[in-house]
């Protein structure tokens, strides 16, 4: 569960090394580029696609978290899976 926004804001889809997102509010599917300025908004939260080595993840940033804390972002790893 995310700390802000709807219970299900959208869906990230990983296929053949490419990640796309479909947000419920927008309804359109769009590809995301890792480590770029592509951002997905869910309420006050910003979500970014990141790539570390051969792994992909979603970094979530919340502007209400104080910078004084040790971490202002969370990362969710995307599982590698095969699609036909």
C-alpha atoms as a PDB file:
ATOM      1  CA  UNK A   1       0.000   0.000   0.000  1.00  0.00           C
ATOM      2  CA  UNK A   2       1.287   3.441  -0.911  1.00  0.00           C
ATOM      3  CA  UNK A   3       1.207   6.287   1.621  1.00  0.00           C
ATOM      4  CA  UNK A   4      -0.910   8.481  -0.711  1.00  0.00           C
ATOM      5  CA  UNK A   5      -3.162   8.228  -3.750  1.00  0.00           C
ATOM      6  CA  UNK A   6      -5.773   5.612  -4.678  1.00  0.00           C
ATOM      7  CA  UNK A   7      -5.569   1.972  -3.600  1.00  0.00           C
ATOM      8  CA  UNK A   8      -4.637   1.032  -7.173  1.00  0.00           C
ATOM      9  CA  UNK A   9      -3.252   3.918  -9.197  1.00  0.00           C
ATOM     10  CA  UNK A  10      -2.046   1.880 -12.153  1.00  0.00           C
ATOM     11  CA  UNK A  11      -0.049  -1.071 -13.428  1.00  0.00           C
ATOM     12  CA  UNK A  12       3.632  -1.464 -14.334  1.00  0.00           C
ATOM     13  CA  UNK A  13       4.239  -4.057 -17.040  1.00  0.00           C
ATOM     14  CA  UNK A  14       7.678  -5.633 -17.659  1.00  0.00           C
ATOM     15  CA  UNK A  15       8.074  -7.414 -21.005  1.00  0.00           C
ATOM     16  CA  UNK A  16      11.304  -8.298 -22.773  1.00  0.00           C
ATOM     17  CA  UNK A  17      13.274  -5.826 -20.668  1.00  0.00           C
ATOM     18  CA  UNK A  18      10.909  -2.922 -21.389  1.00  0.00           C
ATOM     19  CA  UNK A  19       8.716  -1.362 -18.698  1.00  0.00           C
ATOM     20  CA  UNK A  20       5.425   0.340 -19.488  1.00  0.00           C
ATOM     21  CA  UNK A  21       2.895   1.892 -17.149  1.00  0.00           C
ATOM     22  CA  UNK A  22      -0.846   2.300 -17.458  1.00  0.00           C
ATOM     23  CA  UNK A  23      -2.279   4.754 -14.953  1.00  0.00           C
ATOM     24  CA  UNK A  24      -5.990   4.423 -14.185  1.00  0.00           C
ATOM     25  CA  UNK A  25      -6.530   8.199 -14.295  1.00  0.00           C
ATOM     26  CA  UNK A  26      -4.926   8.526 -17.748  1.00  0.00           C
ATOM     27  CA  UNK A  27      -5.918   5.178 -19.256  1.00  0.00           C
ATOM     28  CA  UNK A  28      -3.077   5.313 -21.779  1.00  0.00           C
ATOM     29  CA  UNK A  29      -0.093   2.956 -21.745  1.00  0.00           C
ATOM     30  CA  UNK A  30       3.360   4.500 -22.053  1.00  0.00           C
ATOM     31  CA  UNK A  31       6.891   3.139 -21.943  1.00  0.00           C
ATOM     32  CA  UNK A  32       9.319   4.332 -19.304  1.00  0.00           C
ATOM     33  CA  UNK A  33      13.047   4.765 -19.748  1.00  0.00           C
ATOM     34  CA  UNK A  34      15.246   3.799 -16.789  1.00  0.00           C
ATOM     35  CA  UNK A  35      17.276   6.493 -15.033  1.00  0.00           C
ATOM     36  CA  UNK A  36      15.603   9.270 -17.034  1.00  0.00           C
ATOM     37  CA  UNK A  37      13.337  12.183 -16.230  1.00  0.00           C
ATOM     38  CA  UNK A  38      10.248   9.990 -16.867  1.00  0.00           C
ATOM     39  CA  UNK A  39       8.043  10.294 -13.798  1.00  0.00           C
ATOM     40  CA  UNK A  40       4.744   8.708 -12.843  1.00  0.00           C
ATOM     41  CA  UNK A  41       2.583  10.609 -10.343  1.00  0.00           C
ATOM     42  CA  UNK A  42       0.260   8.919  -7.846  1.00  0.00           C
ATOM     43  CA  UNK A  43      -1.186  11.507  -5.500  1.00  0.00           C
ATOM     44  CA  UNK A  44       1.776  13.385  -4.004  1.00  0.00           C
ATOM     45  CA  UNK A  45       4.139  10.501  -4.814  1.00  0.00           C
ATOM     46  CA  UNK A  46       6.602  10.380  -7.708  1.00  0.00           C
ATOM     47  CA  UNK A  47       7.666   7.038  -9.163  1.00  0.00           C
ATOM     48  CA  UNK A  48      10.733   6.568 -11.369  1.00  0.00           C
ATOM     49  CA  UNK A  49      12.068   3.531 -13.238  1.00  0.00           C
ATOM     50  CA  UNK A  50      15.657   2.744 -12.244  1.00  0.00           C
ATOM     51  CA  UNK A  51      18.173   0.213 -13.520  1.00  0.00           C
ATOM     52  CA  UNK A  52      21.014  -1.158 -11.409  1.00  0.00           C
ATOM     53  CA  UNK A  53      23.121  -3.683 -13.269  1.00  0.00           C
ATOM     54  CA  UNK A  54      20.671  -6.084 -14.876  1.00  0.00           C
ATOM     55  CA  UNK A  55      17.908  -5.330 -12.354  1.00  0.00           C
ATOM     56  CA  UNK A  56      14.998  -2.925 -12.782  1.00  0.00           C
ATOM     57  CA  UNK A  57      13.081  -1.256  -9.987  1.00  0.00           C
ATOM     58  CA  UNK A  58      10.615   1.487  -9.194  1.00  0.00           C
ATOM     59  CA  UNK A  59      11.887   4.282  -6.950  1.00  0.00           C
ATOM     60  CA  UNK A  60       9.172   6.050  -4.996  1.00  0.00           C
ATOM     61  CA  UNK A  61       9.688   9.552  -3.619  1.00  0.00           C
ATOM     62  CA  UNK A  62       7.409  11.259  -1.119  1.00  0.00           C
ATOM     63  CA  UNK A  63       7.872  15.034  -0.700  1.00  0.00           C
ATOM     64  CA  UNK A  64       6.428  14.910   2.821  1.00  0.00           C
ATOM     65  CA  UNK A  65       9.324  12.842   4.138  1.00  0.00           C
ATOM     66  CA  UNK A  66      11.847  15.120   5.786  1.00  0.00           C
ATOM     67  CA  UNK A  67      15.249  15.232   4.194  1.00  0.00           C
ATOM     68  CA  UNK A  68      16.729  14.893   7.667  1.00  0.00           C
ATOM     69  CA  UNK A  69      15.704  11.241   7.755  1.00  0.00           C
ATOM     70  CA  UNK A  70      18.168   8.715   6.448  1.00  0.00           C
ATOM     71  CA  UNK A  71      16.026   7.838   3.424  1.00  0.00           C
ATOM     72  CA  UNK A  72      13.546   9.823   1.357  1.00  0.00           C
ATOM     73  CA  UNK A  73      12.888   7.103  -1.207  1.00  0.00           C
ATOM     74  CA  UNK A  74      11.939   3.454  -1.432  1.00  0.00           C
ATOM     75  CA  UNK A  75      12.771   1.036  -4.220  1.00  0.00           C
ATOM     76  CA  UNK A  76      10.530  -1.794  -5.380  1.00  0.00           C
ATOM     77  CA  UNK A  77      12.302  -4.445  -7.481  1.00  0.00           C
ATOM     78  CA  UNK A  78      10.542  -5.649 -10.590  1.00  0.00           C
ATOM     79  CA  UNK A  79      10.732  -9.427 -10.903  1.00  0.00           C
ATOM     80  CA  UNK A  80      12.248 -10.836 -14.067  1.00  0.00           C
ATOM     81  CA  UNK A  81       9.663 -12.879 -15.910  1.00  0.00           C
ATOM     82  CA  UNK A  82       9.263 -14.338 -19.335  1.00  0.00           C
ATOM     83  CA  UNK A  83       6.397 -13.417 -21.606  1.00  0.00           C
ATOM     84  CA  UNK A  84       5.360 -15.103 -24.805  1.00  0.00           C
END
